[in-house]
Amino acid sequence: MMKRFFKAIVKEAALKVYILGKKQNDEIENQQRLQLIKESGIIHPTAVIYKEAQIQNTQNNPGKIKIGKESRIQGHLMLFKHGGEIIIGDYTFIGPETRIWSAKKITIGNRVLISHNVNVHDNVSHPLDSKERHEDFKHIFSKGFQSEIDLREKEIIIEDDVWIGFNVTIMKGVRIGKGAIIGSNTIVNKDVHSYEVVGGNPMNFIKKTT
């Protein structure tokens, strides 16, 4: 009976030590993650970068990524090495699995809501020429992104108070006006005027809102 009692005490103590050690390890990892994030951009102290978020600044220039006050980031922000800039305003939400990849410049205004699985790309990601594309592939996986490459970049601007539904794709060179709503699964390959509601593929005008 006493043997079982002491065995239970030892087991409980071991569990507490494990939980405490894991907690301390998680806290260290979180501090390291936050430090890396801090070095990746100019982030307002009140902005929240969730654990699942990624900020990948291959240029190592913090001034190229800016996140405003009270914004919430759960997605993936990435700059290409040869160029790119991401500016996110105040009170803006970037949902999980959303990818914002810039080789030119992507500006997202204040109070913008971007749902999950949204793609915002101001470039074509890889060269159009098949041989150049293969060389780019080899370079990325051996040395990282190239410092000089033409990805046909065009700036994207998303103005204040825009709402973007899940699974939307926003193509390079697009401007989305203030207060516009983009329905889920829409491919945005042309400008959207302020307070327009659009949706579908091809994208269609649905109505005006306020």
Protein backbone atom coordinates (compact mmCIF):
# COMPACT_ATOMS: atom_id res chain seq x y z
CA MET A 1 0.00 0.00 0.00
CA MET A 2 2.78 2.42 1.03
CA LYS A 3 4.79 1.46 -2.06
CA ARG A 4 1.87 2.36 -4.31
CA PHE A 5 1.40 5.63 -2.39
CA PHE A 6 5.04 6.69 -2.83
CA LYS A 7 4.97 5.63 -6.49
CA ALA A 8 1.96 7.89 -7.05
CA ILE A 9 3.72 10.81 -5.31
CA VAL A 10 6.86 10.36 -7.44
CA LYS A 11 4.74 10.14 -10.61
CA GLU A 12 2.86 13.32 -9.70
CA ALA A 13 6.09 15.16 -8.88
CA ALA A 14 7.65 14.05 -12.19
CA LEU A 15 4.57 15.30 -14.06
CA LYS A 16 4.77 18.70 -12.31
CA VAL A 17 8.49 19.00 -13.17
CA TYR A 18 7.71 18.12 -16.82
CA ILE A 19 4.87 20.68 -17.02
CA LEU A 20 7.01 23.37 -15.39
CA GLY A 21 9.94 22.62 -17.70
CA LYS A 22 7.72 22.67 -20.78
CA LYS A 23 6.17 25.97 -19.69
CA GLN A 24 9.61 27.55 -19.20
CA ASN A 25 10.76 26.19 -22.56
CA ASP A 26 7.62 27.54 -24.28
CA GLU A 27 8.20 30.94 -22.68
CA ILE A 28 11.82 31.00 -23.92
CA GLU A 29 10.72 29.99 -27.43
CA ASN A 30 8.01 32.66 -27.40
CA GLN A 31 10.50 35.33 -26.28
CA GLN A 32 12.86 34.30 -29.07
CA ARG A 33 10.00 34.36 -31.61
CA LEU A 34 8.90 37.83 -30.47
CA GLN A 35 12.49 39.08 -30.70
CA LEU A 36 12.80 37.78 -34.27
CA ILE A 37 9.47 39.40 -35.15
CA LYS A 38 10.60 42.68 -33.59
CA GLU A 39 13.73 42.59 -35.76
CA SER A 40 11.66 41.88 -38.89
CA GLY A 41 9.58 45.05 -38.94
CA ILE A 42 8.37 48.21 -37.28
CA ILE A 43 5.49 46.84 -35.22
CA HIS A 44 3.34 48.98 -32.94
CA PRO A 45 3.56 47.82 -29.30
CA THR A 46 -0.22 47.24 -29.20
CA ALA A 47 -0.26 45.06 -32.33
CA VAL A 48 -0.66 41.31 -31.73
CA ILE A 49 1.36 38.78 -33.73
CA TYR A 50 -0.16 35.35 -33.04
CA LYS A 51 1.94 32.22 -32.62
CA GLU A 52 0.83 30.79 -35.98
CA ALA A 53 1.87 33.97 -37.82
CA GLN A 54 5.07 34.23 -39.85
CA ILE A 55 6.96 37.38 -40.77
CA GLN A 56 9.68 36.69 -43.31
CA ASN A 57 11.80 39.73 -44.14
CA THR A 58 14.49 38.43 -46.51
CA GLN A 59 15.81 41.99 -47.00
CA ASN A 60 16.67 42.30 -43.27
CA ASN A 61 15.38 45.87 -43.36
CA PRO A 62 12.79 46.39 -40.59
CA GLY A 63 11.57 49.60 -42.23
CA LYS A 64 10.09 47.57 -45.09
CA ILE A 65 7.40 45.97 -42.90
CA LYS A 66 5.17 48.22 -40.80
CA ILE A 67 2.19 47.14 -38.68
CA GLY A 68 -0.05 49.70 -36.98
CA LYS A 69 -1.65 49.86 -33.56
CA GLU A 70 -4.11 47.18 -32.36
CA SER A 71 -3.75 45.16 -35.57
CA ARG A 72 -3.93 41.37 -35.35
CA ILE A 73 -1.76 39.16 -37.55
CA GLN A 74 -2.30 35.41 -37.95
CA GLY A 75 -1.06 34.96 -41.52
CA HIS A 76 2.23 34.99 -43.41
CA LEU A 77 3.94 38.24 -44.44
CA MET A 78 6.91 37.86 -46.79
CA LEU A 79 9.25 40.15 -48.70
CA PHE A 80 11.28 39.00 -51.68
CA LYS A 81 14.98 39.77 -51.49
CA HIS A 82 15.14 41.97 -54.59
CA GLY A 83 12.31 44.22 -53.45
CA GLY A 84 9.03 44.52 -51.61
CA GLU A 85 7.32 46.44 -48.85
CA ILE A 86 4.28 45.71 -46.66
CA ILE A 87 2.46 48.46 -44.79
CA ILE A 88 -0.51 47.53 -42.57
CA GLY A 89 -2.57 50.21 -40.83
CA ASP A 90 -4.36 50.33 -37.48
CA TYR A 91 -7.04 47.91 -36.21
CA THR A 92 -6.52 45.58 -39.18
CA PHE A 93 -6.97 41.80 -39.04
CA ILE A 94 -5.02 39.30 -41.16
CA GLY A 95 -6.52 35.81 -40.83
CA PRO A 96 -4.78 32.43 -40.54
CA GLU A 97 -3.16 30.87 -43.63
CA THR A 98 -3.43 34.20 -45.45
CA ARG A 99 -0.30 34.99 -47.48
CA ILE A 100 0.78 38.53 -48.23
CA TRP A 101 3.88 38.31 -50.42
CA SER A 102 5.49 41.46 -51.75
CA ALA A 103 8.16 42.15 -54.36
CA LYS A 104 7.02 45.74 -54.97
CA LYS A 105 4.67 47.27 -52.38
CA ILE A 106 1.45 46.21 -50.66
CA THR A 107 -0.40 48.82 -48.64
CA ILE A 108 -3.31 47.77 -46.40
CA GLY A 109 -5.25 50.53 -44.68
CA ASN A 110 -6.95 50.95 -41.33
CA ARG A 111 -9.80 48.76 -40.04
CA VAL A 112 -9.38 46.22 -42.85
CA LEU A 113 -10.66 42.68 -42.26
CA ILE A 114 -8.91 39.94 -44.24
CA SER A 115 -10.26 36.44 -43.65
CA HIS A 116 -8.41 33.08 -43.78
CA ASN A 117 -6.72 31.54 -46.84
CA VAL A 118 -6.48 34.85 -48.70
CA ASN A 119 -3.63 35.43 -51.17
CA VAL A 120 -2.33 38.95 -51.81
CA HIS A 121 0.59 38.93 -54.29
CA ASP A 122 2.01 41.96 -56.09
CA ASN A 123 4.09 39.79 -58.44
CA VAL A 124 4.01 36.61 -60.52
CA SER A 125 6.21 34.69 -58.00
CA HIS A 126 8.49 33.10 -60.63
CA PRO A 127 9.91 34.05 -64.07
CA LEU A 128 7.68 33.25 -67.04
CA ASP A 129 10.54 31.79 -69.07
CA SER A 130 10.79 28.07 -68.26
CA LYS A 131 14.62 27.96 -68.12
CA GLU A 132 14.79 31.08 -65.92
CA ARG A 133 12.07 29.60 -63.72
CA HIS A 134 14.08 26.43 -63.16
CA GLU A 135 17.23 28.43 -62.38
CA ASP A 136 15.18 30.48 -59.90
CA PHE A 137 13.93 27.26 -58.29
CA LYS A 138 17.50 26.00 -57.87
CA HIS A 139 18.67 29.32 -56.47
CA ILE A 140 15.85 29.53 -53.90
CA PHE A 141 16.52 26.07 -52.50
CA SER A 142 20.32 26.35 -52.50
CA LYS A 143 20.99 30.02 -51.69
CA GLY A 144 17.63 31.66 -51.02
CA PHE A 145 15.77 34.33 -52.99
CA GLN A 146 17.62 36.12 -55.76
CA SER A 147 18.68 39.72 -55.23
CA GLU A 148 18.02 40.59 -58.88
CA ILE A 149 15.04 39.16 -60.75
CA ASP A 150 12.07 40.38 -62.79
CA LEU A 151 8.74 39.17 -61.37
CA ARG A 152 6.62 41.78 -63.18
CA GLU A 153 5.76 43.52 -59.94
CA LYS A 154 2.89 45.99 -59.59
CA GLU A 155 1.81 47.72 -56.40
CA ILE A 156 -1.36 46.67 -54.55
CA ILE A 157 -3.39 49.16 -52.49
CA ILE A 158 -6.20 48.11 -50.15
CA GLU A 159 -7.85 51.20 -48.68
CA ASP A 160 -9.50 51.69 -45.26
CA ASP A 161 -12.51 49.67 -44.05
CA VAL A 162 -12.29 46.95 -46.71
CA TRP A 163 -13.65 43.48 -45.90
CA ILE A 164 -12.13 40.51 -47.79
CA GLY A 165 -13.78 37.10 -47.50
CA PHE A 166 -12.06 33.71 -47.26
CA ASN A 167 -10.20 32.12 -50.20
CA VAL A 168 -9.95 35.42 -52.09
CA THR A 169 -6.98 36.00 -54.42
CA ILE A 170 -5.84 39.56 -55.04
CA MET A 171 -3.62 39.95 -58.09
CA LYS A 172 -0.83 42.44 -58.73
CA GLY A 173 -1.60 46.03 -59.68
CA VAL A 174 -5.05 46.09 -58.06
CA ARG A 175 -6.54 48.91 -56.00
CA ILE A 176 -9.49 48.17 -53.71
CA GLY A 177 -11.35 51.30 -52.68
CA LYS A 178 -12.49 52.36 -49.22
CA GLY A 179 -15.27 50.30 -47.64
CA ALA A 180 -15.43 47.71 -50.46
CA ILE A 181 -16.46 44.11 -49.75
CA ILE A 182 -14.92 41.16 -51.62
CA GLY A 183 -17.01 37.98 -51.49
CA SER A 184 -15.38 34.64 -50.69
CA ASN A 185 -13.54 32.73 -53.47
CA THR A 186 -13.28 35.84 -55.65
CA ILE A 187 -10.29 36.47 -57.91
CA VAL A 188 -9.62 40.21 -57.90
CA ASN A 189 -7.73 41.05 -61.11
CA LYS A 190 -9.00 44.62 -61.61
CA ASP A 191 -9.74 47.65 -59.45
CA VAL A 192 -12.72 47.71 -57.10
CA HIS A 193 -14.31 51.09 -56.45
CA SER A 194 -15.11 52.40 -52.97
CA TYR A 195 -18.10 50.81 -51.24
CA GLU A 196 -18.66 48.26 -54.01
CA VAL A 197 -19.63 44.68 -53.17
CA VAL A 198 -18.10 42.24 -55.66
CA GLY A 199 -17.84 38.47 -55.94
CA GLY A 200 -17.42 35.47 -58.18
CA ASN A 201 -14.96 34.26 -60.78
CA PRO A 202 -14.91 36.17 -63.03
CA MET A 203 -15.46 38.98 -60.54
CA ASN A 204 -18.83 40.73 -60.87
CA PHE A 205 -20.30 43.86 -59.35
CA ILE A 206 -23.12 42.96 -56.93
CA LYS A 207 -24.22 46.20 -55.31
CA LYS A 208 -23.14 49.36 -53.51
CA THR A 209 -22.86 49.58 -49.73
CA THR A 210 -22.02 52.32 -47.24
